[in-house]
Each structure stands twice: as structure tokens, then as C-alpha cells.
Amino acid sequence: MKLSIVQKDIQNNDYYDFLEHLSDSDTDVVLFGELATTGCLYNGMENRKIEPVETLSEKFQKYSFSILLGTPRIANNKLYNSYISFGKSDVQIYDKVNLFEPMNEVEHFTAGEKPVLFDIDGKKIGVSICYDVRFPNHYDILKEMGADIIIIPAAFPRIRIDAWKELLIERAVQTKLTVVGINAVGDDGTNEFGGSSMVVAPDGSLIAQADEINETIIEVEL
């Protein structure tokens, strides 16, 4: 399975440019970070365009690869911090379980109920989002569910980026699975984000790592 991991500026909501760039590639899955469509919602939903899942799914049908994307999602009059897999024939959704109070997530989002596996090209992909990474039990559950790979989209501030790197390695060693972390870069006026998107082998060694400041695409074969 070939992955294209998109490290994107938190304020660059034009993720279609990355998809078009990859449209002729042989990638199997394109992965974006947390809230890639809007950036963080410190001050709520004002002036933010939140596209329905059905609209996104229709737009993504033109691409030959699966797309994994972080976006706010409205369901039953509630707002969720969701990570969604858009395949050719299905949509799979994970809602962030552990919301981060210091960034006001609990004021805007409803917490998800449980860990989730995505089934992509026969691989079981264990899903978590950002602050989930600090809860080891979440990954014990994903491992017990039969995960083959763990992915962790995030919007992790640069001031704590060393903790991000350490936690990704810890989760790989804990689960004995490959861990893919997708972070943002840039400054949105409230936080500066620290990039360092990483692919970590089950023994904790690095397969690939981006820098802390630049938009980039990491391509790896797993």
C-alpha cells in the first residue's frame, strides 16, 4: 500500500490542490491532518464553510485513490471533530473521543464514543486524532480490534512538538504496529503548529519524517 501523507499549512484550506497534484500518481491512499478543511475552531463555526460528508464524497469520486481527511461534521444537530475515509464505494467515519479542553474543543465539539478501524484495500487502519495520542488504552483497543496500521492526524502546536515525536514512537512500540502521524504547519494567530509528520516502524525507528515548517508530501510504501 502506497501512502501519500500531506503536511499542510493549518490556514491553507485548499486541499484540492494537493489532490490534483497527486491525481496522476500511483498512490493508493492520500492522508490529510486534523480539521484539514477548516483549521481549528477556537471561536466556533462563524464564517467557516463546513461541507457535508455527502458533498465531499461526491467530489472525491473522480480520484482513483482513497482520501482520508479531517473535517468538522454535523450530525443530529451536533458538531464532531471527525476523520473520514472516502473510498470508491464507501465512507468510514471516526469521531474524536478525547477532546482537548485547552483549545476549547469541548465548547464546540461532541466527543465520539469509541475507537474505530477503517478497512482500506484489505488493511485494517486504526484511527485516532491528536489528543487521543496521550491515551494508551485507545491504542490497546485498536490493537485488540485487529489493526494493521495506526494513523494519527493532528494539529499539534510547535511548542510541544518534541512530545508529539516521542508519543508517536511510544505508540508504535506499544502496539508493535507502524504508526503514521500527520501534523499541520503554519500559524493561525492562536497557535503555531510544528509539522514533523512521521512514519514510525513497529520497533520505534523512523521510516520517514517531515520538517517543522514546510508544506510537503511524504510518500511511503507499507
C-alpha atoms as a PDB file:
ATOM      1  CA  MET A   1       0.000   0.000   0.000  1.00  0.00           C
ATOM      2  CA  LYS A   2       1.469   3.325  -1.076  1.00  0.00           C
ATOM      3  CA  LEU A   3       0.631   6.288   1.174  1.00  0.00           C
ATOM      4  CA  SER A   4       0.911   9.986   0.342  1.00  0.00           C
ATOM      5  CA  ILE A   5       0.978  11.938   3.609  1.00  0.00           C
ATOM      6  CA  VAL A   6       0.106  15.619   3.204  1.00  0.00           C
ATOM      7  CA  GLN A   7       1.643  18.023   5.725  1.00  0.00           C
ATOM      8  CA  LYS A   8      -0.429  21.161   5.104  1.00  0.00           C
ATOM      9  CA  ASP A   9      -0.491  24.702   6.477  1.00  0.00           C
ATOM     10  CA  ILE A  10      -3.314  24.998   9.019  1.00  0.00           C
ATOM     11  CA  GLN A  11      -4.688  28.055   7.174  1.00  0.00           C
ATOM     12  CA  ASN A  12      -4.491  26.532   3.700  1.00  0.00           C
ATOM     13  CA  ASN A  13      -7.941  25.065   3.253  1.00  0.00           C
ATOM     14  CA  ASP A  14      -7.435  24.429  -0.477  1.00  0.00           C
ATOM     15  CA  TYR A  15      -6.631  20.756  -0.087  1.00  0.00           C
ATOM     16  CA  TYR A  16      -7.835  20.145  -3.662  1.00  0.00           C
ATOM     17  CA  ASP A  17      -4.521  21.477  -4.957  1.00  0.00           C
ATOM     18  CA  PHE A  18      -2.771  18.567  -3.253  1.00  0.00           C
ATOM     19  CA  LEU A  19      -5.281  16.080  -4.673  1.00  0.00           C
ATOM     20  CA  GLU A  20      -4.826  17.435  -8.174  1.00  0.00           C
ATOM     21  CA  HIS A  21      -1.052  17.268  -7.759  1.00  0.00           C
ATOM     22  CA  LEU A  22      -1.377  13.590  -6.871  1.00  0.00           C
ATOM     23  CA  SER A  23      -4.107  12.765  -9.370  1.00  0.00           C
ATOM     24  CA  ASP A  24      -1.752  11.073 -11.843  1.00  0.00           C
ATOM     25  CA  SER A  25       0.359   9.318  -9.225  1.00  0.00           C
ATOM     26  CA  ASP A  26       0.277   5.637  -8.311  1.00  0.00           C
ATOM     27  CA  THR A  27      -0.594   6.322  -4.678  1.00  0.00           C
ATOM     28  CA  ASP A  28      -3.259   4.197  -3.007  1.00  0.00           C
ATOM     29  CA  VAL A  29      -4.196   6.472  -0.109  1.00  0.00           C
ATOM     30  CA  VAL A  30      -3.840  10.227   0.463  1.00  0.00           C
ATOM     31  CA  LEU A  31      -3.856  11.281   4.127  1.00  0.00           C
ATOM     32  CA  PHE A  32      -4.507  14.775   5.473  1.00  0.00           C
ATOM     33  CA  GLY A  33      -4.329  16.004   9.068  1.00  0.00           C
ATOM     34  CA  GLU A  34      -6.881  17.012  11.684  1.00  0.00           C
ATOM     35  CA  LEU A  35      -9.512  19.588  10.626  1.00  0.00           C
ATOM     36  CA  ALA A  36      -7.774  19.946   7.280  1.00  0.00           C
ATOM     37  CA  THR A  37     -10.825  21.554   5.664  1.00  0.00           C
ATOM     38  CA  THR A  38     -11.265  24.421   8.156  1.00  0.00           C
ATOM     39  CA  GLY A  39      -8.387  24.762  10.587  1.00  0.00           C
ATOM     40  CA  CYS A  40      -9.088  24.757  14.333  1.00  0.00           C
ATOM     41  CA  LEU A  41     -12.403  26.185  15.518  1.00  0.00           C
ATOM     42  CA  TYR A  42     -11.324  28.227  18.552  1.00  0.00           C
ATOM     43  CA  ASN A  43     -14.154  30.667  18.054  1.00  0.00           C
ATOM     44  CA  GLY A  44     -16.790  28.310  16.762  1.00  0.00           C
ATOM     45  CA  MET A  45     -18.183  27.868  13.281  1.00  0.00           C
ATOM     46  CA  GLU A  46     -18.631  31.505  12.307  1.00  0.00           C
ATOM     47  CA  ASN A  47     -17.506  32.191   8.741  1.00  0.00           C
ATOM     48  CA  ARG A  48     -16.381  28.583   8.304  1.00  0.00           C
ATOM     49  CA  LYS A  49     -17.659  26.551   5.391  1.00  0.00           C
ATOM     50  CA  ILE A  50     -18.365  23.012   6.541  1.00  0.00           C
ATOM     51  CA  GLU A  51     -19.112  20.793   3.570  1.00  0.00           C
ATOM     52  CA  PRO A  52     -21.425  17.846   4.202  1.00  0.00           C
ATOM     53  CA  VAL A  53     -19.859  14.404   4.032  1.00  0.00           C
ATOM     54  CA  GLU A  54     -22.086  13.551   1.071  1.00  0.00           C
ATOM     55  CA  THR A  55     -20.789  16.561  -0.881  1.00  0.00           C
ATOM     56  CA  LEU A  56     -17.171  15.693  -0.196  1.00  0.00           C
ATOM     57  CA  SER A  57     -17.755  12.078  -1.170  1.00  0.00           C
ATOM     58  CA  GLU A  58     -19.277  13.115  -4.493  1.00  0.00           C
ATOM     59  CA  LYS A  59     -16.377  15.448  -5.265  1.00  0.00           C
ATOM     60  CA  PHE A  60     -13.785  12.794  -4.432  1.00  0.00           C
ATOM     61  CA  GLN A  61     -15.205  10.162  -6.768  1.00  0.00           C
ATOM     62  CA  LYS A  62     -13.029  11.493  -9.610  1.00  0.00           C
ATOM     63  CA  TYR A  63      -9.847  10.269  -7.893  1.00  0.00           C
ATOM     64  CA  SER A  64      -8.517   6.728  -8.160  1.00  0.00           C
ATOM     65  CA  PHE A  65      -7.147   6.680  -4.605  1.00  0.00           C
ATOM     66  CA  SER A  66      -8.779   6.685  -1.184  1.00  0.00           C
ATOM     67  CA  ILE A  67      -8.751  10.012   0.676  1.00  0.00           C
ATOM     68  CA  LEU A  68      -8.501  10.310   4.462  1.00  0.00           C
ATOM     69  CA  LEU A  69      -9.404  13.756   5.701  1.00  0.00           C
ATOM     70  CA  GLY A  70     -10.024  15.595   8.965  1.00  0.00           C
ATOM     71  CA  THR A  71     -13.119  17.809   8.945  1.00  0.00           C
ATOM     72  CA  PRO A  72     -15.854  19.125  11.228  1.00  0.00           C
ATOM     73  CA  ARG A  73     -19.006  17.057  10.749  1.00  0.00           C
ATOM     74  CA  ILE A  74     -22.570  17.925  11.651  1.00  0.00           C
ATOM     75  CA  ALA A  75     -24.857  15.040  12.590  1.00  0.00           C
ATOM     76  CA  ASN A  76     -28.068  15.097  14.642  1.00  0.00           C
ATOM     77  CA  ASN A  77     -27.540  18.808  15.328  1.00  0.00           C
ATOM     78  CA  LYS A  78     -24.163  18.090  16.911  1.00  0.00           C
ATOM     79  CA  LEU A  79     -20.680  19.027  15.708  1.00  0.00           C
ATOM     80  CA  TYR A  80     -17.950  16.368  15.673  1.00  0.00           C
ATOM     81  CA  ASN A  81     -14.207  16.563  15.061  1.00  0.00           C
ATOM     82  CA  SER A  82     -14.151  13.754  12.533  1.00  0.00           C
ATOM     83  CA  TYR A  83     -11.635  11.857  10.443  1.00  0.00           C
ATOM     84  CA  ILE A  84     -13.209  10.336   7.378  1.00  0.00           C
ATOM     85  CA  SER A  85     -12.139   7.756   4.832  1.00  0.00           C
ATOM     86  CA  PHE A  86     -13.549   8.385   1.363  1.00  0.00           C
ATOM     87  CA  GLY A  87     -13.180   5.248  -0.754  1.00  0.00           C
ATOM     88  CA  LYS A  88     -14.579   4.453  -4.173  1.00  0.00           C
ATOM     89  CA  SER A  89     -17.543   2.621  -2.721  1.00  0.00           C
ATOM     90  CA  ASP A  90     -17.825   3.610   0.935  1.00  0.00           C
ATOM     91  CA  VAL A  91     -17.357   6.303   3.574  1.00  0.00           C
ATOM     92  CA  GLN A  92     -15.982   5.448   7.008  1.00  0.00           C
ATOM     93  CA  ILE A  93     -16.034   7.868   9.955  1.00  0.00           C
ATOM     94  CA  TYR A  94     -14.201   8.254  13.255  1.00  0.00           C
ATOM     95  CA  ASP A  95     -15.253  10.965  15.721  1.00  0.00           C
ATOM     96  CA  LYS A  96     -12.528  12.180  18.105  1.00  0.00           C
ATOM     97  CA  VAL A  97     -13.060  10.612  21.509  1.00  0.00           C
ATOM     98  CA  ASN A  98     -10.681  12.673  23.668  1.00  0.00           C
ATOM     99  CA  LEU A  99     -11.321  16.386  23.204  1.00  0.00           C
ATOM    100  CA  PHE A 100      -8.635  18.893  24.214  1.00  0.00           C
ATOM    101  CA  GLU A 101     -10.044  21.438  26.680  1.00  0.00           C
ATOM    102  CA  PRO A 102      -7.175  23.996  26.474  1.00  0.00           C
ATOM    103  CA  MET A 103      -8.019  24.566  22.789  1.00  0.00           C
ATOM    104  CA  ASN A 104     -11.766  24.908  23.552  1.00  0.00           C
ATOM    105  CA  GLU A 105     -12.733  21.713  21.753  1.00  0.00           C
ATOM    106  CA  VAL A 106     -15.257  20.793  24.453  1.00  0.00           C
ATOM    107  CA  GLU A 107     -17.080  24.087  23.834  1.00  0.00           C
ATOM    108  CA  HIS A 108     -17.656  23.317  20.173  1.00  0.00           C
ATOM    109  CA  PHE A 109     -17.499  19.561  19.593  1.00  0.00           C
ATOM    110  CA  THR A 110     -19.311  16.496  20.860  1.00  0.00           C
ATOM    111  CA  ALA A 111     -16.969  13.663  21.807  1.00  0.00           C
ATOM    112  CA  GLY A 112     -17.028  10.419  19.853  1.00  0.00           C
ATOM    113  CA  GLU A 113     -17.913   7.192  21.623  1.00  0.00           C
ATOM    114  CA  LYS A 114     -15.272   4.645  20.663  1.00  0.00           C
ATOM    115  CA  PRO A 115     -12.135   3.808  18.642  1.00  0.00           C
ATOM    116  CA  VAL A 116     -12.703   2.814  15.021  1.00  0.00           C
ATOM    117  CA  LEU A 117     -10.958   0.764  12.348  1.00  0.00           C
ATOM    118  CA  PHE A 118     -11.111   1.758   8.682  1.00  0.00           C
ATOM    119  CA  ASP A 119     -10.981  -1.076   6.147  1.00  0.00           C
ATOM    120  CA  ILE A 120      -8.898   0.163   3.208  1.00  0.00           C
ATOM    121  CA  ASP A 121      -7.656  -2.161   0.470  1.00  0.00           C
ATOM    122  CA  GLY A 122      -7.836  -5.101   2.837  1.00  0.00           C
ATOM    123  CA  LYS A 123      -5.841  -3.338   5.571  1.00  0.00           C
ATOM    124  CA  LYS A 124      -7.325  -2.566   8.984  1.00  0.00           C
ATOM    125  CA  ILE A 125      -6.405   1.043   9.784  1.00  0.00           C
ATOM    126  CA  GLY A 126      -6.673   2.045  13.441  1.00  0.00           C
ATOM    127  CA  VAL A 127      -7.745   5.677  13.740  1.00  0.00           C
ATOM    128  CA  SER A 128      -7.173   8.332  16.402  1.00  0.00           C
ATOM    129  CA  ILE A 129      -6.914  12.142  16.373  1.00  0.00           C
ATOM    130  CA  CYS A 130      -4.295  14.372  18.022  1.00  0.00           C
ATOM    131  CA  TYR A 131      -5.007  14.413  21.812  1.00  0.00           C
ATOM    132  CA  ASP A 132      -6.052  10.747  21.608  1.00  0.00           C
ATOM    133  CA  VAL A 133      -2.316  10.016  21.341  1.00  0.00           C
ATOM    134  CA  ARG A 134      -1.936  10.671  25.090  1.00  0.00           C
ATOM    135  CA  PHE A 135      -4.327   7.830  25.989  1.00  0.00           C
ATOM    136  CA  PRO A 136      -2.538   4.454  25.731  1.00  0.00           C
ATOM    137  CA  ASN A 137      -5.748   2.477  26.251  1.00  0.00           C
ATOM    138  CA  HIS A 138      -7.137   3.817  22.970  1.00  0.00           C
ATOM    139  CA  TYR A 139      -4.305   2.016  21.171  1.00  0.00           C
ATOM    140  CA  ASP A 140      -4.652  -1.155  23.220  1.00  0.00           C
ATOM    141  CA  ILE A 141      -8.235  -1.308  21.973  1.00  0.00           C
ATOM    142  CA  LEU A 142      -7.234  -0.704  18.346  1.00  0.00           C
ATOM    143  CA  LYS A 143      -4.637  -3.451  18.620  1.00  0.00           C
ATOM    144  CA  GLU A 144      -7.218  -5.859  20.087  1.00  0.00           C
ATOM    145  CA  MET A 145      -9.620  -4.951  17.268  1.00  0.00           C
ATOM    146  CA  GLY A 146      -7.042  -6.201  14.764  1.00  0.00           C
ATOM    147  CA  ALA A 147      -5.427  -3.022  13.462  1.00  0.00           C
ATOM    148  CA  ASP A 148      -2.622  -3.461  10.907  1.00  0.00           C
ATOM    149  CA  ILE A 149      -1.541   0.205  10.910  1.00  0.00           C
ATOM    150  CA  ILE A 150      -2.232   3.166  13.215  1.00  0.00           C
ATOM    151  CA  ILE A 151      -2.826   6.663  11.849  1.00  0.00           C
ATOM    152  CA  ILE A 152      -2.856   9.833  13.946  1.00  0.00           C
ATOM    153  CA  PRO A 153      -3.919  13.050  12.170  1.00  0.00           C
ATOM    154  CA  ALA A 154      -3.234  16.093  14.311  1.00  0.00           C
ATOM    155  CA  ALA A 155      -2.959  19.847  14.770  1.00  0.00           C
ATOM    156  CA  PHE A 156      -0.112  19.701  17.274  1.00  0.00           C
ATOM    157  CA  PRO A 157       1.477  23.005  18.396  1.00  0.00           C
ATOM    158  CA  ARG A 158       5.166  23.529  17.733  1.00  0.00           C
ATOM    159  CA  ILE A 159       5.863  24.390  21.377  1.00  0.00           C
ATOM    160  CA  ARG A 160       5.078  20.760  22.259  1.00  0.00           C
ATOM    161  CA  ILE A 161       6.426  19.119  19.117  1.00  0.00           C
ATOM    162  CA  ASP A 162       9.047  17.064  20.966  1.00  0.00           C
ATOM    163  CA  ALA A 163       6.214  15.406  22.880  1.00  0.00           C
ATOM    164  CA  TRP A 164       4.470  14.663  19.547  1.00  0.00           C
ATOM    165  CA  LYS A 165       7.541  12.859  18.240  1.00  0.00           C
ATOM    166  CA  GLU A 166       8.025  10.903  21.468  1.00  0.00           C
ATOM    167  CA  LEU A 167       4.371   9.886  21.674  1.00  0.00           C
ATOM    168  CA  LEU A 168       4.279   8.568  18.106  1.00  0.00           C
ATOM    169  CA  ILE A 169       7.278   6.379  18.860  1.00  0.00           C
ATOM    170  CA  GLU A 170       5.705   5.223  22.132  1.00  0.00           C
ATOM    171  CA  ARG A 171       2.510   4.169  20.365  1.00  0.00           C
ATOM    172  CA  ALA A 172       4.428   2.248  17.707  1.00  0.00           C
ATOM    173  CA  VAL A 173       6.430   0.365  20.315  1.00  0.00           C
ATOM    174  CA  GLN A 174       3.323  -0.182  22.461  1.00  0.00           C
ATOM    175  CA  THR A 175       1.268  -1.707  19.646  1.00  0.00           C
ATOM    176  CA  LYS A 176       4.135  -3.179  17.625  1.00  0.00           C
ATOM    177  CA  LEU A 177       2.498  -1.588  14.581  1.00  0.00           C
ATOM    178  CA  THR A 178       3.544   1.051  12.078  1.00  0.00           C
ATOM    179  CA  VAL A 179       2.297   4.477  13.163  1.00  0.00           C
ATOM    180  CA  VAL A 180       1.598   7.302  10.704  1.00  0.00           C
ATOM    181  CA  GLY A 181       1.349  10.799  12.213  1.00  0.00           C
ATOM    182  CA  ILE A 182       0.059  13.657  10.026  1.00  0.00           C
ATOM    183  CA  ASN A 183       0.516  17.131  11.523  1.00  0.00           C
ATOM    184  CA  ALA A 184      -0.045  20.716  10.349  1.00  0.00           C
ATOM    185  CA  VAL A 185       2.412  23.570   9.915  1.00  0.00           C
ATOM    186  CA  GLY A 186       1.874  27.326   9.987  1.00  0.00           C
ATOM    187  CA  ASP A 187       0.443  29.867  12.422  1.00  0.00           C
ATOM    188  CA  ASP A 188      -3.273  30.617  12.695  1.00  0.00           C
ATOM    189  CA  GLY A 189      -2.929  33.528  15.089  1.00  0.00           C
ATOM    190  CA  THR A 190      -3.599  31.407  18.143  1.00  0.00           C
ATOM    191  CA  ASN A 191      -1.048  28.619  17.784  1.00  0.00           C
ATOM    192  CA  GLU A 192       1.988  27.835  15.676  1.00  0.00           C
ATOM    193  CA  PHE A 193       1.936  24.238  14.511  1.00  0.00           C
ATOM    194  CA  GLY A 194       5.034  22.069  14.387  1.00  0.00           C
ATOM    195  CA  GLY A 195       4.741  19.720  11.433  1.00  0.00           C
ATOM    196  CA  SER A 196       7.086  16.777  11.931  1.00  0.00           C
ATOM    197  CA  SER A 197       4.697  14.365  10.255  1.00  0.00           C
ATOM    198  CA  MET A 198       6.241  10.938  10.762  1.00  0.00           C
ATOM    199  CA  VAL A 199       6.061   7.288   9.838  1.00  0.00           C
ATOM    200  CA  VAL A 200       7.362   5.122  12.667  1.00  0.00           C
ATOM    201  CA  ALA A 201       8.196   1.421  12.384  1.00  0.00           C
ATOM    202  CA  PRO A 202       6.919  -1.073  14.975  1.00  0.00           C
ATOM    203  CA  ASP A 203      10.311  -1.069  16.719  1.00  0.00           C
ATOM    204  CA  GLY A 204      10.218   2.726  17.111  1.00  0.00           C
ATOM    205  CA  SER A 205      12.672   3.531  14.315  1.00  0.00           C
ATOM    206  CA  LEU A 206      11.828   6.274  11.824  1.00  0.00           C
ATOM    207  CA  ILE A 207      10.788   5.366   8.292  1.00  0.00           C
ATOM    208  CA  ALA A 208      10.171   8.986   7.238  1.00  0.00           C
ATOM    209  CA  GLN A 209       9.852  12.417   8.813  1.00  0.00           C
ATOM    210  CA  ALA A 210       8.942  15.907   7.556  1.00  0.00           C
ATOM    211  CA  ASP A 211      10.352  19.154   8.916  1.00  0.00           C
ATOM    212  CA  GLU A 212       8.582  21.534  11.314  1.00  0.00           C
ATOM    213  CA  ILE A 213       7.721  24.418   8.999  1.00  0.00           C
ATOM    214  CA  ASN A 214       7.089  23.476   5.372  1.00  0.00           C
ATOM    215  CA  GLU A 215       4.137  22.082   3.479  1.00  0.00           C
ATOM    216  CA  THR A 216       5.209  18.790   1.940  1.00  0.00           C
ATOM    217  CA  ILE A 217       4.070  15.347   0.845  1.00  0.00           C
ATOM    218  CA  ILE A 218       5.748  12.238   2.251  1.00  0.00           C
ATOM    219  CA  GLU A 219       5.376   9.105   0.150  1.00  0.00           C
ATOM    220  CA  VAL A 220       5.915   5.697   1.722  1.00  0.00           C
ATOM    221  CA  GLU A 221       5.213   2.096   0.746  1.00  0.00           C
ATOM    222  CA  LEU A 222       3.887  -0.074   3.587  1.00  0.00           C
END
